[in-house]
Amino acid sequence: ERRRGRKVQLCHEDEGMATLYAYLPAGIAATIYTRVDRVARRLRSRG
């Protein structure tokens, strides 16, 4: 039932910023985060 409630929301913040929320199944969210983190860490290690 929760999985059927998956969604993406945009919340406008101050000073030209916004928050993007993605309510996703845990396995998918963990995979996305791990991929983003892996690429970011590789970039960081390159100076």
All heavy atoms as atom14 arrays in JSON, in Angstrom:
{
  "sequence": "ERRRGRKVQLCHEDEGMATLYAYLPAGIAATIYTRVDRVARRLRSRG",
  "atom14_mask": [
    [1, 1, 1, 1, 1, 1, 1, 1, 1, 0, 0, 0, 0, 0],
    [1, 1, 1, 1, 1, 1, 1, 1, 1, 1, 1, 0, 0, 0],
    [1, 1, 1, 1, 1, 1, 1, 1, 1, 1, 1, 0, 0, 0],
    [1, 1, 1, 1, 1, 1, 1, 1, 1, 1, 1, 0, 0, 0],
    [1, 1, 1, 1, 0, 0, 0, 0, 0, 0, 0, 0, 0, 0],
    [1, 1, 1, 1, 1, 1, 1, 1, 1, 1, 1, 0, 0, 0],
    [1, 1, 1, 1, 1, 1, 1, 1, 1, 0, 0, 0, 0, 0],
    [1, 1, 1, 1, 1, 1, 1, 0, 0, 0, 0, 0, 0, 0],
    [1, 1, 1, 1, 1, 1, 1, 1, 1, 0, 0, 0, 0, 0],
    [1, 1, 1, 1, 1, 1, 1, 1, 0, 0, 0, 0, 0, 0],
    [1, 1, 1, 1, 1, 1, 0, 0, 0, 0, 0, 0, 0, 0],
    [1, 1, 1, 1, 1, 1, 1, 1, 1, 1, 0, 0, 0, 0],
    [1, 1, 1, 1, 1, 1, 1, 1, 1, 0, 0, 0, 0, 0],
    [1, 1, 1, 1, 1, 1, 1, 1, 0, 0, 0, 0, 0, 0],
    [1, 1, 1, 1, 1, 1, 1, 1, 1, 0, 0, 0, 0, 0],
    [1, 1, 1, 1, 0, 0, 0, 0, 0, 0, 0, 0, 0, 0],
    [1, 1, 1, 1, 1, 1, 1, 1, 0, 0, 0, 0, 0, 0],
    [1, 1, 1, 1, 1, 0, 0, 0, 0, 0, 0, 0, 0, 0],
    [1, 1, 1, 1, 1, 1, 1, 0, 0, 0, 0, 0, 0, 0],
    [1, 1, 1, 1, 1, 1, 1, 1, 0, 0, 0, 0, 0, 0],
    [1, 1, 1, 1, 1, 1, 1, 1, 1, 1, 1, 1, 0, 0],
    [1, 1, 1, 1, 1, 0, 0, 0, 0, 0, 0, 0, 0, 0],
    [1, 1, 1, 1, 1, 1, 1, 1, 1, 1, 1, 1, 0, 0],
    [1, 1, 1, 1, 1, 1, 1, 1, 0, 0, 0, 0, 0, 0],
    [1, 1, 1, 1, 1, 1, 1, 0, 0, 0, 0, 0, 0, 0],
    [1, 1, 1, 1, 1, 0, 0, 0, 0, 0, 0, 0, 0, 0],
    [1, 1, 1, 1, 0, 0, 0, 0, 0, 0, 0, 0, 0, 0],
    [1, 1, 1, 1, 1, 1, 1, 1, 0, 0, 0, 0, 0, 0],
    [1, 1, 1, 1, 1, 0, 0, 0, 0, 0, 0, 0, 0, 0],
    [1, 1, 1, 1, 1, 0, 0, 0, 0, 0, 0, 0, 0, 0],
    [1, 1, 1, 1, 1, 1, 1, 0, 0, 0, 0, 0, 0, 0],
    [1, 1, 1, 1, 1, 1, 1, 1, 0, 0, 0, 0, 0, 0],
    [1, 1, 1, 1, 1, 1, 1, 1, 1, 1, 1, 1, 0, 0],
    [1, 1, 1, 1, 1, 1, 1, 0, 0, 0, 0, 0, 0, 0],
    [1, 1, 1, 1, 1, 1, 1, 1, 1, 1, 1, 0, 0, 0],
    [1, 1, 1, 1, 1, 1, 1, 0, 0, 0, 0, 0, 0, 0],
    [1, 1, 1, 1, 1, 1, 1, 1, 0, 0, 0, 0, 0, 0],
    [1, 1, 1, 1, 1, 1, 1, 1, 1, 1, 1, 0, 0, 0],
    [1, 1, 1, 1, 1, 1, 1, 0, 0, 0, 0, 0, 0, 0],
    [1, 1, 1, 1, 1, 0, 0, 0, 0, 0, 0, 0, 0, 0],
    [1, 1, 1, 1, 1, 1, 1, 1, 1, 1, 1, 0, 0, 0],
    [1, 1, 1, 1, 1, 1, 1, 1, 1, 1, 1, 0, 0, 0],
    [1, 1, 1, 1, 1, 1, 1, 1, 0, 0, 0, 0, 0, 0],
    [1, 1, 1, 1, 1, 1, 1, 1, 1, 1, 1, 0, 0, 0],
    [1, 1, 1, 1, 1, 1, 0, 0, 0, 0, 0, 0, 0, 0],
    [1, 1, 1, 1, 1, 1, 1, 1, 1, 1, 1, 0, 0, 0],
    [1, 1, 1, 1, 0, 0, 0, 0, 0, 0, 0, 0, 0, 0]
  ],
  "atom14_positions": [
    [[0.84, -1.2, 0.0], [0.0, 0.0, 0.0], [0.87, 1.25, 0.0], [0.6, 2.21, -0.73], [-0.93, 0.0, 1.21], [-2.05, -1.02, 1.12], [-2.82, -1.15, 2.42], [-2.69, -0.28, 3.32], [-3.55, -2.14, 2.56], [0.0, 0.0, 0.0], [0.0, 0.0, 0.0], [0.0, 0.0, 0.0], [0.0, 0.0, 0.0], [0.0, 0.0, 0.0]],
    [[1.93, 1.25, 0.82], [2.85, 2.39, 0.86], [3.53, 2.56, -0.49], [3.74, 3.67, -0.96], [3.92, 2.19, 1.93], [3.43, 2.2, 3.32], [3.23, 3.61, 3.79], [3.0, 3.61, 5.2], [3.24, 4.63, 5.98], [3.74, 5.73, 5.49], [2.97, 4.56, 7.25], [0.0, 0.0, 0.0], [0.0, 0.0, 0.0], [0.0, 0.0, 0.0]],
    [[3.91, 1.47, -1.12], [4.59, 1.51, -2.41], [3.7, 2.2, -3.46], [4.19, 2.94, -4.3], [4.95, 0.09, -2.84], [5.77, 0.0, -4.1], [6.05, -1.48, -4.42], [6.93, -1.58, -5.54], [8.19, -1.97, -5.48], [8.72, -2.32, -4.34], [8.93, -2.03, -6.56], [0.0, 0.0, 0.0], [0.0, 0.0, 0.0], [0.0, 0.0, 0.0]],
    [[2.41, 1.95, -3.39], [1.47, 2.6, -4.31], [1.38, 4.1, -4.05], [0.89, 4.84, -4.89], [0.1, 1.94, -4.25], [0.07, 0.59, -4.95], [-1.36, 0.08, -5.15], [-2.11, -0.08, -3.92], [-2.13, -1.19, -3.18], [-1.43, -2.25, -3.56], [-2.85, -1.25, -2.09], [0.0, 0.0, 0.0], [0.0, 0.0, 0.0], [0.0, 0.0, 0.0]],
    [[1.84, 4.55, -2.9], [1.82, 5.97, -2.56], [3.1, 6.71, -2.94], [3.29, 7.86, -2.55], [0.0, 0.0, 0.0], [0.0, 0.0, 0.0], [0.0, 0.0, 0.0], [0.0, 0.0, 0.0], [0.0, 0.0, 0.0], [0.0, 0.0, 0.0], [0.0, 0.0, 0.0], [0.0, 0.0, 0.0], [0.0, 0.0, 0.0], [0.0, 0.0, 0.0]],
    [[3.97, 6.06, -3.73], [5.24, 6.71, -4.08], [4.96, 8.0, -4.85], [3.98, 8.1, -5.57], [6.14, 5.77, -4.87], [5.57, 5.29, -6.17], [6.4, 4.11, -6.7], [5.88, 3.62, -7.96], [4.87, 2.78, -8.09], [4.28, 2.31, -7.01], [4.47, 2.38, -9.27], [0.0, 0.0, 0.0], [0.0, 0.0, 0.0], [0.0, 0.0, 0.0]],
    [[5.84, 8.99, -4.66], [5.62, 10.29, -5.28], [6.89, 11.13, -5.21], [7.83, 10.8, -4.5], [4.48, 11.02, -4.59], [4.74, 11.26, -3.09], [3.52, 11.84, -2.41], [3.73, 11.86, -0.9], [2.54, 12.27, -0.19], [0.0, 0.0, 0.0], [0.0, 0.0, 0.0], [0.0, 0.0, 0.0], [0.0, 0.0, 0.0], [0.0, 0.0, 0.0]],
    [[6.85, 12.22, -5.96], [7.9, 13.24, -5.91], [7.2, 14.55, -5.63], [6.16, 14.85, -6.24], [8.68, 13.3, -7.25], [9.67, 14.45, -7.24], [9.4, 11.98, -7.51], [0.0, 0.0, 0.0], [0.0, 0.0, 0.0], [0.0, 0.0, 0.0], [0.0, 0.0, 0.0], [0.0, 0.0, 0.0], [0.0, 0.0, 0.0], [0.0, 0.0, 0.0]],
    [[7.75, 15.33, -4.71], [7.16, 16.61, -4.35], [8.21, 17.71, -4.42], [9.39, 17.48, -4.13], [6.62, 16.59, -2.92], [5.41, 15.71, -2.73], [4.95, 15.73, -1.29], [5.69, 15.33, -0.4], [3.74, 16.22, -1.07], [0.0, 0.0, 0.0], [0.0, 0.0, 0.0], [0.0, 0.0, 0.0], [0.0, 0.0, 0.0], [0.0, 0.0, 0.0]],
    [[7.78, 18.91, -4.76], [8.64, 20.08, -4.81], [8.17, 21.05, -3.75], [7.0, 21.42, -3.71], [8.58, 20.73, -6.2], [9.34, 22.03, -6.36], [10.85, 21.79, -6.21], [9.03, 22.67, -7.7], [0.0, 0.0, 0.0], [0.0, 0.0, 0.0], [0.0, 0.0, 0.0], [0.0, 0.0, 0.0], [0.0, 0.0, 0.0], [0.0, 0.0, 0.0]],
    [[9.07, 21.47, -2.87], [8.76, 22.45, -1.83], [9.7, 23.64, -2.01], [10.93, 23.5, -1.9], [8.95, 21.85, -0.45], [7.86, 20.46, -0.11], [0.0, 0.0, 0.0], [0.0, 0.0, 0.0], [0.0, 0.0, 0.0], [0.0, 0.0, 0.0], [0.0, 0.0, 0.0], [0.0, 0.0, 0.0], [0.0, 0.0, 0.0], [0.0, 0.0, 0.0]],
    [[9.13, 24.8, -2.3], [9.93, 26.01, -2.5], [10.45, 26.51, -1.16], [9.71, 26.55, -0.17], [9.11, 27.08, -3.21], [8.77, 26.68, -4.62], [9.68, 26.76, -5.64], [7.64, 26.16, -5.15], [9.14, 26.33, -6.75], [7.88, 25.94, -6.48], [0.0, 0.0, 0.0], [0.0, 0.0, 0.0], [0.0, 0.0, 0.0], [0.0, 0.0, 0.0]],
    [[11.71, 26.87, -1.13], [12.37, 27.37, 0.08], [12.77, 28.84, -0.14], [12.48, 29.41, -1.18], [13.61, 26.52, 0.38], [13.36, 25.02, 0.46], [12.66, 24.56, 1.71], [12.6, 25.34, 2.69], [12.16, 23.43, 1.73], [0.0, 0.0, 0.0], [0.0, 0.0, 0.0], [0.0, 0.0, 0.0], [0.0, 0.0, 0.0], [0.0, 0.0, 0.0]],
    [[13.49, 29.4, 0.81], [13.94, 30.79, 0.72], [15.22, 30.91, -0.11], [15.93, 29.93, -0.34], [14.2, 31.34, 2.13], [12.93, 31.42, 2.96], [11.85, 31.63, 2.38], [13.02, 31.27, 4.19], [0.0, 0.0, 0.0], [0.0, 0.0, 0.0], [0.0, 0.0, 0.0], [0.0, 0.0, 0.0], [0.0, 0.0, 0.0], [0.0, 0.0, 0.0]],
    [[15.52, 32.14, -0.48], [16.75, 32.5, -1.19], [17.03, 31.65, -2.42], [18.15, 31.19, -2.65], [17.97, 32.45, -0.23], [18.06, 33.61, 0.73], [17.3, 33.34, 2.03], [17.23, 32.17, 2.46], [16.77, 34.31, 2.6], [0.0, 0.0, 0.0], [0.0, 0.0, 0.0], [0.0, 0.0, 0.0], [0.0, 0.0, 0.0], [0.0, 0.0, 0.0]],
    [[16.01, 31.44, -3.23], [16.2, 30.77, -4.51], [16.46, 29.27, -4.44], [16.95, 28.68, -5.39], [0.0, 0.0, 0.0], [0.0, 0.0, 0.0], [0.0, 0.0, 0.0], [0.0, 0.0, 0.0], [0.0, 0.0, 0.0], [0.0, 0.0, 0.0], [0.0, 0.0, 0.0], [0.0, 0.0, 0.0], [0.0, 0.0, 0.0], [0.0, 0.0, 0.0]],
    [[16.11, 28.64, -3.35], [16.34, 27.2, -3.19], [15.0, 26.48, -3.1], [13.96, 27.08, -2.88], [17.17, 26.92, -1.93], [18.58, 27.51, -1.95], [19.6, 26.9, -3.3], [19.96, 25.24, -2.73], [0.0, 0.0, 0.0], [0.0, 0.0, 0.0], [0.0, 0.0, 0.0], [0.0, 0.0, 0.0], [0.0, 0.0, 0.0], [0.0, 0.0, 0.0]],
    [[15.04, 25.18, -3.3], [13.85, 24.34, -3.19], [14.3, 22.96, -2.72], [15.46, 22.58, -2.89], [13.13, 24.24, -4.52], [0.0, 0.0, 0.0], [0.0, 0.0, 0.0], [0.0, 0.0, 0.0], [0.0, 0.0, 0.0], [0.0, 0.0, 0.0], [0.0, 0.0, 0.0], [0.0, 0.0, 0.0], [0.0, 0.0, 0.0], [0.0, 0.0, 0.0]],
    [[13.39, 22.23, -2.16], [13.65, 20.87, -1.74], [12.82, 19.93, -2.61], [11.63, 20.17, -2.82], [13.29, 20.65, -0.26], [14.03, 21.58, 0.54], [13.59, 19.24, 0.2], [0.0, 0.0, 0.0], [0.0, 0.0, 0.0], [0.0, 0.0, 0.0], [0.0, 0.0, 0.0], [0.0, 0.0, 0.0], [0.0, 0.0, 0.0], [0.0, 0.0, 0.0]],
    [[13.46, 18.9, -3.11], [12.78, 17.9, -3.93], [12.73, 16.62, -3.11], [13.76, 16.07, -2.72], [13.57, 17.67, -5.23], [12.97, 16.72, -6.25], [11.66, 17.29, -6.79], [13.95, 16.5, -7.38], [0.0, 0.0, 0.0], [0.0, 0.0, 0.0], [0.0, 0.0, 0.0], [0.0, 0.0, 0.0], [0.0, 0.0, 0.0], [0.0, 0.0, 0.0]],
    [[11.53, 16.17, -2.8], [11.35, 14.95, -2.03], [10.92, 13.82, -2.96], [10.04, 14.01, -3.79], [10.24, 15.12, -0.98], [10.56, 16.07, 0.13], [10.11, 17.38, 0.09], [11.31, 15.65, 1.23], [10.39, 18.26, 1.12], [11.59, 16.52, 2.26], [11.14, 17.82, 2.21], [11.42, 18.69, 3.22], [0.0, 0.0, 0.0], [0.0, 0.0, 0.0]],
    [[11.53, 12.68, -2.79], [11.11, 11.49, -3.53], [10.77, 10.42, -2.5], [11.63, 9.98, -1.75], [12.22, 11.02, -4.46], [0.0, 0.0, 0.0], [0.0, 0.0, 0.0], [0.0, 0.0, 0.0], [0.0, 0.0, 0.0], [0.0, 0.0, 0.0], [0.0, 0.0, 0.0], [0.0, 0.0, 0.0], [0.0, 0.0, 0.0], [0.0, 0.0, 0.0]],
    [[9.51, 10.04, -2.44], [9.03, 8.99, -1.54], [9.02, 7.71, -2.36], [8.15, 7.51, -3.2], [7.64, 9.37, -1.05], [7.06, 8.44, -0.02], [7.62, 8.34, 1.25], [5.93, 7.7, -0.31], [7.07, 7.5, 2.19], [5.37, 6.86, 0.63], [5.95, 6.77, 1.88], [5.39, 5.93, 2.82], [0.0, 0.0, 0.0], [0.0, 0.0, 0.0]],
    [[10.04, 6.88, -2.15], [10.29, 5.72, -3.0], [10.42, 4.46, -2.17], [10.74, 4.52, -0.98], [11.61, 5.92, -3.77], [11.71, 7.15, -4.66], [13.14, 7.36, -5.11], [10.8, 6.97, -5.86], [0.0, 0.0, 0.0], [0.0, 0.0, 0.0], [0.0, 0.0, 0.0], [0.0, 0.0, 0.0], [0.0, 0.0, 0.0], [0.0, 0.0, 0.0]],
    [[10.27, 3.29, -2.8], [10.59, 2.04, -2.09], [12.04, 2.08, -1.61], [12.93, 2.6, -2.32], [10.37, 0.97, -3.16], [9.37, 1.58, -4.1], [9.71, 3.05, -4.14], [0.0, 0.0, 0.0], [0.0, 0.0, 0.0], [0.0, 0.0, 0.0], [0.0, 0.0, 0.0], [0.0, 0.0, 0.0], [0.0, 0.0, 0.0], [0.0, 0.0, 0.0]],
    [[12.28, 1.54, -0.44], [13.59, 1.65, 0.21], [14.72, 1.12, -0.66], [15.8, 1.73, -0.72], [13.56, 0.93, 1.56], [0.0, 0.0, 0.0], [0.0, 0.0, 0.0], [0.0, 0.0, 0.0], [0.0, 0.0, 0.0], [0.0, 0.0, 0.0], [0.0, 0.0, 0.0], [0.0, 0.0, 0.0], [0.0, 0.0, 0.0], [0.0, 0.0, 0.0]],
    [[14.52, 0.01, -1.34], [15.59, -0.55, -2.17], [15.97, 0.37, -3.32], [17.16, 0.52, -3.65], [0.0, 0.0, 0.0], [0.0, 0.0, 0.0], [0.0, 0.0, 0.0], [0.0, 0.0, 0.0], [0.0, 0.0, 0.0], [0.0, 0.0, 0.0], [0.0, 0.0, 0.0], [0.0, 0.0, 0.0], [0.0, 0.0, 0.0], [0.0, 0.0, 0.0]],
    [[14.99, 1.01, -3.93], [15.26, 1.93, -5.03], [15.95, 3.18, -4.5], [16.94, 3.66, -5.07], [13.96, 2.28, -5.78], [13.44, 1.04, -6.5], [14.17, 3.44, -6.76], [12.05, 1.21, -7.08], [0.0, 0.0, 0.0], [0.0, 0.0, 0.0], [0.0, 0.0, 0.0], [0.0, 0.0, 0.0], [0.0, 0.0, 0.0], [0.0, 0.0, 0.0]],
    [[15.44, 3.74, -3.4], [16.05, 4.93, -2.82], [17.51, 4.67, -2.42], [18.39, 5.49, -2.68], [15.24, 5.41, -1.62], [0.0, 0.0, 0.0], [0.0, 0.0, 0.0], [0.0, 0.0, 0.0], [0.0, 0.0, 0.0], [0.0, 0.0, 0.0], [0.0, 0.0, 0.0], [0.0, 0.0, 0.0], [0.0, 0.0, 0.0], [0.0, 0.0, 0.0]],
    [[17.77, 3.52, -1.81], [19.14, 3.19, -1.41], [20.05, 3.04, -2.63], [21.21, 3.47, -2.62], [19.15, 1.9, -0.59], [0.0, 0.0, 0.0], [0.0, 0.0, 0.0], [0.0, 0.0, 0.0], [0.0, 0.0, 0.0], [0.0, 0.0, 0.0], [0.0, 0.0, 0.0], [0.0, 0.0, 0.0], [0.0, 0.0, 0.0], [0.0, 0.0, 0.0]],
    [[19.54, 2.46, -3.71], [20.33, 2.31, -4.93], [20.65, 3.67, -5.54], [21.79, 3.92, -5.95], [19.58, 1.43, -5.95], [19.35, 0.15, -5.37], [20.36, 1.27, -7.24], [0.0, 0.0, 0.0], [0.0, 0.0, 0.0], [0.0, 0.0, 0.0], [0.0, 0.0, 0.0], [0.0, 0.0, 0.0], [0.0, 0.0, 0.0], [0.0, 0.0, 0.0]],
    [[19.67, 4.57, -5.6], [19.9, 5.91, -6.14], [20.94, 6.63, -5.3], [21.9, 7.21, -5.82], [18.58, 6.71, -6.2], [17.66, 6.11, -7.27], [18.85, 8.2, -6.47], [16.23, 6.66, -7.21], [0.0, 0.0, 0.0], [0.0, 0.0, 0.0], [0.0, 0.0, 0.0], [0.0, 0.0, 0.0], [0.0, 0.0, 0.0], [0.0, 0.0, 0.0]],
    [[20.77, 6.61, -3.99], [21.7, 7.32, -3.11], [23.11, 6.76, -3.24], [24.09, 7.51, -3.32], [21.24, 7.28, -1.65], [22.18, 8.06, -0.77], [22.05, 9.44, -0.65], [23.24, 7.43, -0.11], [22.93, 10.17, 0.13], [24.13, 8.15, 0.64], [23.98, 9.52, 0.78], [24.88, 10.24, 1.53], [0.0, 0.0, 0.0], [0.0, 0.0, 0.0]],
    [[23.23, 5.45, -3.28], [24.55, 4.82, -3.38], [25.23, 5.21, -4.69], [26.42, 5.49, -4.71], [24.42, 3.3, -3.27], [23.82, 2.98, -2.0], [25.78, 2.62, -3.36], [0.0, 0.0, 0.0], [0.0, 0.0, 0.0], [0.0, 0.0, 0.0], [0.0, 0.0, 0.0], [0.0, 0.0, 0.0], [0.0, 0.0, 0.0], [0.0, 0.0, 0.0]],
    [[24.47, 5.24, -5.76], [25.05, 5.63, -7.05], [25.53, 7.07, -7.02], [26.64, 7.39, -7.43], [24.02, 5.44, -8.16], [24.57, 5.8, -9.53], [23.54, 5.59, -10.61], [24.12, 5.78, -11.92], [23.43, 5.87, -13.03], [22.12, 5.74, -12.98], [24.01, 6.06, -14.18], [0.0, 0.0, 0.0], [0.0, 0.0, 0.0], [0.0, 0.0, 0.0]],
    [[24.69, 7.98, -6.53], [25.06, 9.39, -6.43], [26.29, 9.56, -5.54], [27.23, 10.28, -5.88], [23.86, 10.23, -5.91], [24.28, 11.62, -5.48], [22.76, 10.28, -6.96], [0.0, 0.0, 0.0], [0.0, 0.0, 0.0], [0.0, 0.0, 0.0], [0.0, 0.0, 0.0], [0.0, 0.0, 0.0], [0.0, 0.0, 0.0], [0.0, 0.0, 0.0]],
    [[26.28, 8.89, -4.4], [27.39, 8.98, -3.46], [28.69, 8.45, -4.06], [29.76, 9.06, -3.89], [27.05, 8.22, -2.17], [28.13, 8.35, -1.13], [28.37, 9.49, -0.66], [28.73, 7.32, -0.77], [0.0, 0.0, 0.0], [0.0, 0.0, 0.0], [0.0, 0.0, 0.0], [0.0, 0.0, 0.0], [0.0, 0.0, 0.0], [0.0, 0.0, 0.0]],
    [[28.61, 7.33, -4.77], [29.81, 6.73, -5.38], [30.44, 7.7, -6.39], [31.64, 7.92, -6.38], [29.47, 5.4, -6.04], [30.69, 4.75, -6.69], [30.37, 3.4, -7.31], [30.18, 2.44, -6.25], [29.09, 1.7, -6.07], [28.09, 1.79, -6.91], [28.99, 0.85, -5.08], [0.0, 0.0, 0.0], [0.0, 0.0, 0.0], [0.0, 0.0, 0.0]],
    [[29.63, 8.3, -7.24], [30.15, 9.24, -8.24], [30.72, 10.47, -7.55], [31.8, 10.95, -7.9], [29.05, 9.62, -9.27], [29.54, 10.72, -10.19], [28.61, 8.39, -10.06], [0.0, 0.0, 0.0], [0.0, 0.0, 0.0], [0.0, 0.0, 0.0], [0.0, 0.0, 0.0], [0.0, 0.0, 0.0], [0.0, 0.0, 0.0], [0.0, 0.0, 0.0]],
    [[30.01, 10.99, -6.56], [30.48, 12.18, -5.83], [31.82, 11.91, -5.14], [32.73, 12.73, -5.2], [29.43, 12.63, -4.82], [0.0, 0.0, 0.0], [0.0, 0.0, 0.0], [0.0, 0.0, 0.0], [0.0, 0.0, 0.0], [0.0, 0.0, 0.0], [0.0, 0.0, 0.0], [0.0, 0.0, 0.0], [0.0, 0.0, 0.0], [0.0, 0.0, 0.0]],
    [[31.95, 10.76, -4.51], [33.21, 10.43, -3.83], [34.36, 10.27, -4.83], [35.49, 10.64, -4.54], [33.05, 9.18, -2.98], [32.22, 9.41, -1.74], [32.04, 8.15, -0.91], [31.17, 8.41, 0.2], [31.54, 8.97, 1.36], [32.79, 9.35, 1.54], [30.66, 9.17, 2.31], [0.0, 0.0, 0.0], [0.0, 0.0, 0.0], [0.0, 0.0, 0.0]],
    [[34.05, 9.71, -5.98], [35.09, 9.57, -7.01], [35.56, 10.95, -7.47], [36.75, 11.2, -7.61], [34.59, 8.74, -8.19], [35.7, 8.41, -9.18], [35.3, 7.41, -10.26], [34.14, 7.86, -11.01], [33.0, 7.2, -11.12], [32.85, 6.03, -10.53], [32.0, 7.67, -11.82], [0.0, 0.0, 0.0], [0.0, 0.0, 0.0], [0.0, 0.0, 0.0]],
    [[34.62, 11.87, -7.68], [34.98, 13.23, -8.06], [35.8, 13.92, -6.97], [36.78, 14.61, -7.25], [33.72, 14.05, -8.37], [32.96, 13.68, -9.63], [31.61, 14.4, -9.66], [33.78, 14.0, -10.86], [0.0, 0.0, 0.0], [0.0, 0.0, 0.0], [0.0, 0.0, 0.0], [0.0, 0.0, 0.0], [0.0, 0.0, 0.0], [0.0, 0.0, 0.0]],
    [[35.4, 13.7, -5.74], [36.1, 14.31, -4.59], [37.53, 13.8, -4.51], [38.47, 14.56, -4.23], [35.35, 14.0, -3.3], [35.9, 14.67, -2.09], [35.4, 16.09, -2.0], [35.8, 16.62, -0.71], [36.33, 17.81, -0.55], [36.5, 18.61, -1.56], [36.68, 18.22, 0.63], [0.0, 0.0, 0.0], [0.0, 0.0, 0.0], [0.0, 0.0, 0.0]],
    [[37.72, 12.51, -4.78], [39.07, 11.93, -4.7], [39.98, 12.43, -5.82], [41.19, 12.29, -5.73], [38.99, 10.4, -4.73], [38.64, 9.95, -6.02], [0.0, 0.0, 0.0], [0.0, 0.0, 0.0], [0.0, 0.0, 0.0], [0.0, 0.0, 0.0], [0.0, 0.0, 0.0], [0.0, 0.0, 0.0], [0.0, 0.0, 0.0], [0.0, 0.0, 0.0]],
    [[39.39, 13.01, -6.85], [40.18, 13.55, -7.97], [40.51, 15.03, -7.77], [40.85, 15.73, -8.71], [39.42, 13.37, -9.28], [39.27, 11.91, -9.67], [38.52, 11.8, -10.97], [38.31, 10.4, -11.28], [37.45, 9.96, -12.18], [36.72, 10.82, -12.87], [37.32, 8.68, -12.41], [0.0, 0.0, 0.0], [0.0, 0.0, 0.0], [0.0, 0.0, 0.0]],
    [[40.35, 15.51, -6.54], [40.75, 16.88, -6.24], [39.64, 17.91, -6.36], [39.9, 19.11, -6.28], [0.0, 0.0, 0.0], [0.0, 0.0, 0.0], [0.0, 0.0, 0.0], [0.0, 0.0, 0.0], [0.0, 0.0, 0.0], [0.0, 0.0, 0.0], [0.0, 0.0, 0.0], [0.0, 0.0, 0.0], [0.0, 0.0, 0.0], [0.0, 0.0, 0.0]]
  ]
}
